[in-house]
Amino acid sequence: MIAFKGLLAHLALAALVGPTAWTQFRLNPANNVVVDGSLSATWRVSTGGPISSSPTIAGGRLYIGNNSGWLYALDPATGATIWRTKVNDPLMSAPLVYNGLVIVGEGNEQSVGPTTTQRLYIGTNNNAILAFDAATGSLKWRTLLPGSGMPTPAIINNLLVHHNGAGWITALDPATGKQRYARNLHSVASMAAILPVGNDRFITSGVFDNVVAQLRVADGSTIWATRFDPSVSGIGDCPPVTDAAYVLCNYVAPVPPATYTLASNPAIERAYGLSLKSGAKRWDVALERGILPPRNEAAIPLLAAGSLYFGSAISSYMHALDPATGRILWKRKTRGPVKGGAVYDGGAIYFGDLAGYLWAVDARSGALIGDKKMGSGFNVGSPIILGQTLVIGSRVGTVYALPVESIRASHDN
């Protein structure tokens, strides 16, 4: 019977047309991760630490890190652990897979400063980019960073580019970890990600200063930089998306008469659209008010079916906006804040909330298709779809795999 089940899992996985490399956050500039195939799997794996990392898949293996420093390689058909390895600090970045290596960022979310001699930075203890052998999990190289490695890097034109928690843009040789250049952007990335634009440019964002910038891959020089008011926050938490015309993301602003954002105080969620070509602000709209959390102040966006989708870190909503104008197309009340990303497939978007529900919502109207109560909440770890299976990591460290149809068919009101 065990051999028969193993054969079924092998056949299901063989029908999964997965990528051979994974070189940026959420695989593509729309943040929509759907891998074609017929895989229909149900399993769960406890990793022993909260998950802020989004899963990646390449070469038939699923990779995910957790906040206790564990990096897992899993069989996507069965959830069986192929290997796991441990580092000292959290692994919150989404793993990249390139030329036989799994590359992750190490570092925590603790802020330091500012002082009379040092600007504010994020990441105490161990900050580094690390590469592991994709087949065995053995460490291949480790390059130290001045600030947290939480933000996800990207590999562009055979160069690994990272924006760290001390505000530096660092470019490394992905095969060896050798530094090619380092440039201080004077803007601190927390949970944002490098967004490639072709093979010669990229977008990044940060706080202290609040900036979204387009830079050159070759040397890290600035093409344009758009600054936001110093009173706002969350710019460095939001990994932007692009549709080749706009750069799109969200952030939080203080509620007047307050002049700055502060955890546990009221805040206003806002979303923006910038010109990809020039960085000019095309729109910036206010959404709901809510209470600002101490961490993860922005929601991860999705571009799909001609709309911009994102949740909220401060209130219990999922939104659909027109990416060209910022016009709100619909809003869906959820049971908890939706900080993580969503995934679009077959006319529906799927996502998890902090209250512990997985949702299937009609992408055009926001109408509920199904909602399924799970055993734990979902923070910024975001779902991917493999064939007919949704995979997501939870706030308490469980990785879930379940058929999307089970979410659509469930109504746990």
Protein backbone atom coordinates (compact mmCIF):
# COMPACT_ATOMS: atom_id res chain seq x y z
CA MET A 1 0.00 0.00 0.00
CA ILE A 2 2.84 2.43 0.85
CA ALA A 3 4.51 1.70 -2.48
CA PHE A 4 1.19 2.24 -4.27
CA LYS A 5 0.64 5.61 -2.55
CA GLY A 6 4.19 6.59 -3.43
CA LEU A 7 3.54 5.70 -7.07
CA LEU A 8 0.38 7.85 -7.09
CA ALA A 9 2.29 10.78 -5.61
CA HIS A 10 5.03 10.35 -8.22
CA LEU A 11 2.49 10.30 -11.05
CA ALA A 12 0.77 13.41 -9.68
CA LEU A 13 4.06 15.27 -9.38
CA ALA A 14 5.12 14.16 -12.86
CA ALA A 15 2.06 16.02 -14.20
CA LEU A 16 3.20 19.25 -12.51
CA VAL A 17 4.91 21.60 -14.96
CA GLY A 18 7.07 23.46 -12.46
CA PRO A 19 9.89 25.97 -13.04
CA THR A 20 13.53 24.92 -12.99
CA ALA A 21 14.61 28.21 -11.40
CA TRP A 22 12.99 30.82 -9.14
CA THR A 23 14.73 34.17 -9.38
CA GLN A 24 12.42 36.75 -7.74
CA PHE A 25 9.74 37.19 -5.09
CA ARG A 26 6.52 35.43 -6.11
CA LEU A 27 8.17 34.31 -9.40
CA ASN A 28 6.86 37.15 -11.61
CA PRO A 29 6.16 40.92 -11.57
CA ALA A 30 2.44 40.34 -10.89
CA ASN A 31 3.06 38.26 -7.71
CA ASN A 32 0.76 35.55 -9.10
CA VAL A 33 2.16 32.03 -8.62
CA VAL A 34 0.23 29.30 -10.43
CA VAL A 35 2.07 26.20 -11.65
CA ASP A 36 0.18 24.15 -14.23
CA GLY A 37 -0.54 20.49 -13.60
CA SER A 38 -2.93 18.00 -12.09
CA LEU A 39 -1.42 17.68 -8.61
CA SER A 40 -4.17 17.31 -5.99
CA ALA A 41 -2.61 16.82 -2.57
CA THR A 42 -3.61 17.10 1.08
CA TRP A 43 -0.92 17.27 3.76
CA ARG A 44 0.45 19.44 6.54
CA VAL A 45 3.96 19.81 7.96
CA SER A 46 4.93 21.46 11.24
CA THR A 47 8.20 23.37 10.86
CA GLY A 48 8.67 24.42 14.48
CA GLY A 49 8.54 28.19 13.97
CA PRO A 50 6.23 30.93 12.63
CA ILE A 51 6.30 31.35 8.86
CA SER A 52 6.76 34.75 7.19
CA SER A 53 8.37 33.23 4.10
CA SER A 54 6.38 32.44 0.97
CA PRO A 55 6.96 28.97 -0.53
CA THR A 56 8.84 28.48 -3.78
CA ILE A 57 9.13 25.46 -6.05
CA ALA A 58 11.81 24.49 -8.55
CA GLY A 59 13.09 21.22 -9.89
CA GLY A 60 10.16 19.35 -8.32
CA ARG A 61 10.96 20.46 -4.76
CA LEU A 62 9.17 22.91 -2.49
CA TYR A 63 11.31 25.27 -0.36
CA ILE A 64 10.25 27.39 2.62
CA GLY A 65 11.92 29.01 5.63
CA ASN A 66 10.62 29.92 9.08
CA ASN A 67 11.29 32.51 11.76
CA SER A 68 13.18 29.98 13.90
CA GLY A 69 15.87 29.70 11.23
CA TRP A 70 14.84 26.40 9.62
CA LEU A 71 14.95 25.96 5.85
CA TYR A 72 12.92 23.03 4.50
CA ALA A 73 12.97 21.17 1.20
CA LEU A 74 9.69 19.25 0.86
CA ASP A 75 8.11 16.85 -1.58
CA PRO A 76 5.14 18.86 -2.93
CA ALA A 77 3.07 15.73 -3.53
CA THR A 78 3.37 14.25 -0.03
CA GLY A 79 4.87 16.90 2.25
CA ALA A 80 7.74 14.55 3.10
CA THR A 81 10.89 16.35 4.26
CA ILE A 82 13.72 15.81 1.77
CA TRP A 83 16.15 17.82 3.89
CA ARG A 84 16.15 20.63 6.42
CA THR A 85 18.89 22.86 7.75
CA LYS A 86 19.15 25.41 10.57
CA VAL A 87 20.69 28.88 10.89
CA ASN A 88 20.74 31.16 13.92
CA ASP A 89 18.29 33.87 12.90
CA PRO A 90 14.93 33.99 11.10
CA LEU A 91 14.58 33.08 7.42
CA MET A 92 11.75 35.37 6.30
CA SER A 93 12.74 35.98 2.68
CA ALA A 94 11.24 33.83 -0.06
CA PRO A 95 13.87 31.30 -1.17
CA LEU A 96 15.38 31.75 -4.63
CA VAL A 97 16.52 28.72 -6.62
CA TYR A 98 19.25 29.18 -9.23
CA ASN A 99 21.88 26.90 -10.77
CA GLY A 100 21.55 24.21 -8.11
CA LEU A 101 21.47 26.62 -5.16
CA VAL A 102 18.74 27.70 -2.74
CA ILE A 103 19.42 31.31 -1.72
CA VAL A 104 17.80 32.92 1.35
CA GLY A 105 18.19 36.01 3.51
CA GLU A 106 18.86 35.72 7.24
CA GLY A 107 17.97 38.42 9.76
CA ASN A 108 15.40 39.59 12.27
CA GLU A 109 12.93 42.48 12.45
CA GLN A 110 14.45 44.30 15.44
CA SER A 111 15.09 48.02 14.91
CA VAL A 112 18.14 49.87 16.25
CA GLY A 113 18.61 53.63 16.56
CA PRO A 114 18.63 56.23 15.45
CA THR A 115 21.52 57.60 17.52
CA THR A 116 23.81 60.61 17.19
CA THR A 117 26.20 58.52 15.12
CA GLN A 118 23.95 55.96 13.41
CA ARG A 119 20.82 56.10 11.30
CA LEU A 120 17.99 53.74 12.16
CA TYR A 121 18.45 50.24 10.80
CA ILE A 122 16.67 46.88 11.01
CA GLY A 123 18.36 43.61 11.93
CA THR A 124 20.37 42.67 14.99
CA ASN A 125 22.49 39.53 15.46
CA ASN A 126 23.11 37.64 12.21
CA ASN A 127 22.40 39.39 8.91
CA ALA A 128 23.44 37.54 5.78
CA ILE A 129 22.59 36.10 2.40
CA LEU A 130 23.18 32.33 2.35
CA ALA A 131 23.25 29.71 -0.40
CA PHE A 132 22.58 26.01 0.14
CA ASP A 133 22.96 23.04 -2.17
CA ALA A 134 19.46 22.41 -3.54
CA ALA A 135 20.00 18.65 -3.55
CA THR A 136 21.44 18.18 -0.05
CA GLY A 137 20.94 21.36 1.98
CA SER A 138 24.66 21.80 2.66
CA LEU A 139 25.88 25.39 3.01
CA LYS A 140 27.76 26.65 -0.05
CA TRP A 141 28.40 30.29 0.84
CA ARG A 142 27.42 33.01 3.33
CA THR A 143 27.84 36.75 2.79
CA LEU A 144 27.37 39.13 5.73
CA LEU A 145 25.07 42.16 5.49
CA PRO A 146 25.01 45.38 7.57
CA GLY A 147 21.24 45.07 8.03
CA SER A 148 18.54 42.41 8.01
CA GLY A 149 18.30 39.93 5.15
CA MET A 150 14.48 39.74 5.53
CA PRO A 151 13.76 41.46 2.18
CA THR A 152 13.75 39.05 -0.75
CA PRO A 153 16.50 39.59 -3.35
CA ALA A 154 16.28 38.91 -7.08
CA ILE A 155 18.67 37.45 -9.62
CA ILE A 156 18.83 39.66 -12.70
CA ASN A 157 21.20 39.07 -15.60
CA ASN A 158 23.24 36.63 -13.46
CA LEU A 159 23.61 39.14 -10.61
CA LEU A 160 21.96 38.76 -7.20
CA VAL A 161 20.62 42.14 -6.04
CA HIS A 162 19.48 42.75 -2.45
CA HIS A 163 18.21 45.75 -0.45
CA ASN A 164 18.91 45.20 3.25
CA GLY A 165 17.70 46.52 6.58
CA ALA A 166 20.50 49.11 6.84
CA GLY A 167 19.55 50.71 3.54
CA TRP A 168 22.31 49.29 1.35
CA ILE A 169 21.86 47.88 -2.14
CA THR A 170 24.25 44.93 -2.47
CA ALA A 171 25.00 42.97 -5.62
CA LEU A 172 26.55 39.51 -5.35
CA ASP A 173 27.76 36.77 -7.65
CA PRO A 174 25.03 34.13 -7.07
CA ALA A 175 27.49 31.28 -7.60
CA THR A 176 29.99 32.38 -4.94
CA GLY A 177 28.43 35.17 -2.85
CA LYS A 178 31.29 37.50 -3.79
CA GLN A 179 30.26 41.15 -3.62
CA ARG A 180 30.20 43.02 -6.93
CA TYR A 181 29.11 46.39 -5.52
CA ALA A 182 27.41 48.02 -2.54
CA ARG A 183 25.57 51.34 -2.60
CA ASN A 184 23.83 53.12 0.27
CA LEU A 185 20.32 54.12 -0.78
CA HIS A 186 19.72 55.73 2.67
CA SER A 187 16.31 54.03 2.75
CA VAL A 188 15.72 50.93 4.86
CA ALA A 189 14.01 47.83 3.45
CA SER A 190 12.15 45.59 5.88
CA MET A 191 9.89 43.01 4.16
CA ALA A 192 9.87 44.50 0.66
CA ALA A 193 11.43 42.70 -2.32
CA ILE A 194 13.49 43.53 -5.37
CA LEU A 195 11.22 43.81 -8.43
CA PRO A 196 13.10 43.24 -11.72
CA VAL A 197 12.22 45.42 -14.69
CA GLY A 198 13.70 43.67 -17.71
CA ASN A 199 17.32 42.58 -17.39
CA ASP A 200 18.90 45.92 -16.57
CA ARG A 201 16.69 47.71 -14.00
CA PHE A 202 14.83 47.02 -10.78
CA ILE A 203 12.39 48.63 -8.35
CA THR A 204 12.86 48.71 -4.58
CA SER A 205 11.33 50.59 -1.65
CA GLY A 206 12.18 51.54 1.91
CA VAL A 207 11.61 53.78 4.90
CA PHE A 208 13.70 56.47 6.70
CA ASP A 209 13.61 57.94 3.91
CA ASN A 210 10.25 56.84 2.54
CA VAL A 211 11.16 56.15 -1.06
CA VAL A 212 10.29 54.00 -4.06
CA ALA A 213 13.14 53.92 -6.57
CA GLN A 214 14.15 52.46 -9.90
CA LEU A 215 17.84 51.53 -10.07
CA ARG A 216 20.28 50.11 -12.62
CA VAL A 217 21.30 46.49 -12.11
CA ALA A 218 24.85 47.05 -13.37
CA ASP A 219 25.93 49.50 -10.66
CA GLY A 220 22.95 50.33 -8.39
CA SER A 221 22.71 53.90 -9.66
CA THR A 222 19.36 55.66 -9.44
CA ILE A 223 17.16 56.20 -12.49
CA TRP A 224 14.35 57.82 -10.48
CA ALA A 225 13.30 58.05 -6.84
CA THR A 226 9.84 59.02 -5.60
CA ARG A 227 9.59 60.16 -2.00
CA PHE A 228 6.58 59.92 0.28
CA ASP A 229 5.79 62.10 3.28
CA PRO A 230 8.04 61.40 6.30
CA SER A 231 4.95 60.85 8.48
CA VAL A 232 3.90 57.62 6.72
CA SER A 233 5.12 54.06 7.22
CA GLY A 234 4.98 50.60 5.65
CA ILE A 235 6.64 51.65 2.37
CA GLY A 236 9.51 49.26 3.11
CA ASP A 237 7.15 46.40 3.97
CA CYS A 238 5.32 46.31 0.63
CA PRO A 239 6.82 44.31 -2.28
CA PRO A 240 5.57 46.23 -5.33
CA VAL A 241 4.05 44.82 -8.51
CA THR A 242 4.08 46.18 -12.05
CA ASP A 243 2.02 45.78 -15.20
CA ALA A 244 4.71 47.46 -17.37
CA ALA A 245 2.93 50.82 -17.01
CA TYR A 246 2.59 51.34 -13.25
CA VAL A 247 4.41 50.45 -10.03
CA LEU A 248 1.76 49.57 -7.43
CA CYS A 249 1.75 48.98 -3.68
CA ASN A 250 0.29 50.22 -0.37
CA TYR A 251 1.31 51.82 2.92
CA VAL A 252 -0.14 53.43 6.08
CA ALA A 253 -0.54 57.07 7.11
CA PRO A 254 -1.33 58.74 10.44
CA VAL A 255 -4.85 59.85 11.31
CA PRO A 256 -4.90 63.66 11.71
CA PRO A 257 -4.09 65.47 13.90
CA ALA A 258 -1.33 62.90 14.51
CA THR A 259 1.80 63.73 12.52
CA TYR A 260 3.40 60.25 12.48
CA THR A 261 2.39 56.60 12.63
CA LEU A 262 2.79 54.65 15.84
CA ALA A 263 2.04 50.98 16.62
CA SER A 264 -1.27 50.42 18.43
CA ASN A 265 -2.55 53.82 17.26
CA PRO A 266 -5.11 54.52 14.52
CA ALA A 267 -3.83 54.68 10.95
CA ILE A 268 -5.18 54.99 7.42
CA GLU A 269 -4.35 52.48 4.72
CA ARG A 270 -3.39 54.01 1.39
CA ALA A 271 -2.47 52.59 -2.02
CA TYR A 272 -0.49 54.18 -4.83
CA GLY A 273 0.32 53.94 -8.50
CA LEU A 274 3.55 55.38 -9.93
CA SER A 275 4.63 55.66 -13.54
CA LEU A 276 7.08 52.85 -14.24
CA LYS A 277 8.92 55.06 -16.72
CA SER A 278 9.35 58.21 -14.64
CA GLY A 279 8.26 57.44 -11.07
CA ALA A 280 5.66 60.21 -11.23
CA LYS A 281 2.75 59.65 -8.85
CA ARG A 282 -0.36 58.88 -10.89
CA TRP A 283 -2.70 58.21 -7.98
CA ASP A 284 -2.68 57.78 -4.20
CA VAL A 285 -5.95 56.83 -2.51
CA ALA A 286 -7.09 56.47 1.09
CA LEU A 287 -8.91 53.32 2.19
CA GLU A 288 -9.98 52.13 5.66
CA ARG A 289 -8.88 53.21 9.07
CA GLY A 290 -7.63 50.69 11.61
CA ILE A 291 -5.08 50.02 14.34
CA LEU A 292 -1.45 49.83 13.26
CA PRO A 293 0.33 46.56 14.21
CA PRO A 294 3.94 46.56 15.46
CA ARG A 295 5.19 44.54 12.47
CA ASN A 296 4.29 44.00 8.80
CA GLU A 297 2.49 47.29 8.20
CA ALA A 298 1.61 46.71 4.53
CA ALA A 299 -0.22 44.03 2.53
CA ILE A 300 1.30 42.07 -0.36
CA PRO A 301 -0.35 43.04 -3.68
CA LEU A 302 -1.44 40.90 -6.65
CA LEU A 303 -2.02 41.93 -10.26
CA ALA A 304 -4.42 39.67 -12.16
CA ALA A 305 -7.38 39.84 -14.54
CA GLY A 306 -6.79 43.55 -15.09
CA SER A 307 -7.14 44.45 -11.40
CA LEU A 308 -4.93 45.19 -8.41
CA TYR A 309 -5.79 43.08 -5.34
CA PHE A 310 -4.50 43.49 -1.79
CA GLY A 311 -5.67 43.13 1.78
CA SER A 312 -4.87 45.30 4.77
CA ALA A 313 -2.53 45.16 7.74
CA ILE A 314 -4.78 47.40 9.84
CA SER A 315 -8.34 46.24 9.05
CA SER A 316 -10.19 43.14 7.87
CA TYR A 317 -10.65 43.72 4.13
CA MET A 318 -9.62 42.49 0.71
CA HIS A 319 -9.74 45.07 -2.10
CA ALA A 320 -9.82 45.21 -5.88
CA LEU A 321 -8.68 48.47 -7.52
CA ASP A 322 -8.24 49.72 -11.05
CA PRO A 323 -4.42 49.83 -11.44
CA ALA A 324 -4.57 52.82 -13.81
CA THR A 325 -6.70 55.10 -11.63
CA GLY A 326 -6.88 53.66 -8.10
CA ARG A 327 -10.67 53.47 -8.37
CA ILE A 328 -12.07 50.92 -5.92
CA LEU A 329 -13.80 48.13 -7.85
CA TRP A 330 -14.95 46.20 -4.78
CA LYS A 331 -14.18 45.55 -1.11
CA ARG A 332 -14.73 42.24 0.71
CA LYS A 333 -14.97 42.08 4.51
CA THR A 334 -12.84 39.31 5.98
CA ARG A 335 -12.52 37.86 9.47
CA GLY A 336 -9.03 39.16 10.08
CA PRO A 337 -6.42 41.41 8.45
CA VAL A 338 -5.01 40.08 5.19
CA LYS A 339 -1.29 40.90 5.16
CA GLY A 340 -0.18 38.09 2.85
CA GLY A 341 -0.55 37.95 -0.90
CA ALA A 342 -3.28 36.33 -2.93
CA VAL A 343 -3.16 34.03 -5.93
CA TYR A 344 -5.47 34.14 -8.95
CA ASP A 345 -6.68 31.08 -10.85
CA GLY A 346 -9.81 30.25 -12.81
CA GLY A 347 -11.65 33.50 -12.12
CA ALA A 348 -11.07 33.42 -8.34
CA ILE A 349 -8.51 34.80 -5.92
CA TYR A 350 -7.36 32.71 -2.95
CA PHE A 351 -5.81 34.10 0.24
CA GLY A 352 -5.51 33.60 4.00
CA ASP A 353 -6.29 35.95 6.88
CA LEU A 354 -4.93 36.41 10.39
CA ALA A 355 -8.10 34.90 11.87
CA GLY A 356 -7.14 31.54 10.36
CA TYR A 357 -9.41 31.33 7.30
CA LEU A 358 -8.57 30.50 3.71
CA TRP A 359 -10.77 32.33 1.21
CA ALA A 360 -11.93 31.82 -2.38
CA VAL A 361 -13.48 35.02 -3.78
CA ASP A 362 -14.80 35.87 -7.23
CA ALA A 363 -12.12 38.07 -8.81
CA ARG A 364 -14.55 40.22 -10.77
CA SER A 365 -17.19 40.93 -8.12
CA GLY A 366 -15.67 40.06 -4.74
CA ALA A 367 -18.52 37.61 -4.10
CA LEU A 368 -17.74 34.81 -1.69
CA ILE A 369 -17.13 31.42 -3.29
CA GLY A 370 -15.91 29.60 -0.19
CA ASP A 371 -14.08 30.03 3.11
CA LYS A 372 -12.38 27.36 5.15
CA LYS A 373 -11.36 27.58 8.80
CA MET A 374 -7.86 26.26 9.44
CA GLY A 375 -5.87 25.54 12.57
CA SER A 376 -3.86 28.76 12.61
CA GLY A 377 -3.76 32.28 11.20
CA PHE A 378 -1.84 33.43 8.14
CA ASN A 379 0.54 36.39 8.31
CA VAL A 380 2.68 37.50 5.36
CA GLY A 381 3.48 33.97 4.19
CA SER A 382 1.58 33.85 0.89
CA PRO A 383 -0.07 31.03 -1.07
CA ILE A 384 0.98 29.41 -4.32
CA ILE A 385 -1.08 27.04 -6.46
CA LEU A 386 0.52 23.82 -7.74
CA GLY A 387 -1.83 22.16 -10.20
CA GLN A 388 -5.06 21.82 -8.21
CA THR A 389 -3.37 22.33 -4.82
CA LEU A 390 -2.90 25.46 -2.72
CA VAL A 391 0.23 25.59 -0.53
CA ILE A 392 0.68 28.17 2.25
CA GLY A 393 2.66 28.59 5.47
CA SER A 394 0.94 29.68 8.68
CA ARG A 395 1.64 31.96 11.60
CA VAL A 396 2.30 29.01 13.95
CA GLY A 397 4.64 27.24 11.54
CA THR A 398 2.43 24.74 9.74
CA VAL A 399 2.73 24.37 5.99
CA TYR A 400 -0.65 23.36 4.53
CA ALA A 401 -1.35 21.75 1.16
CA LEU A 402 -4.99 21.25 0.19
CA PRO A 403 -7.03 21.10 -3.01
CA VAL A 404 -8.42 24.47 -4.06
CA GLU A 405 -11.79 22.80 -4.52
CA SER A 406 -11.93 22.09 -0.79
CA ILE A 407 -11.71 25.85 -0.14
CA ARG A 408 -14.33 26.65 -2.77
CA ALA A 409 -16.72 24.03 -1.37
CA SER A 410 -16.34 25.04 2.29
CA HIS A 411 -18.60 27.60 3.99
CA ASP A 412 -17.48 28.08 7.59
CA ASN A 413 -19.61 31.14 8.33
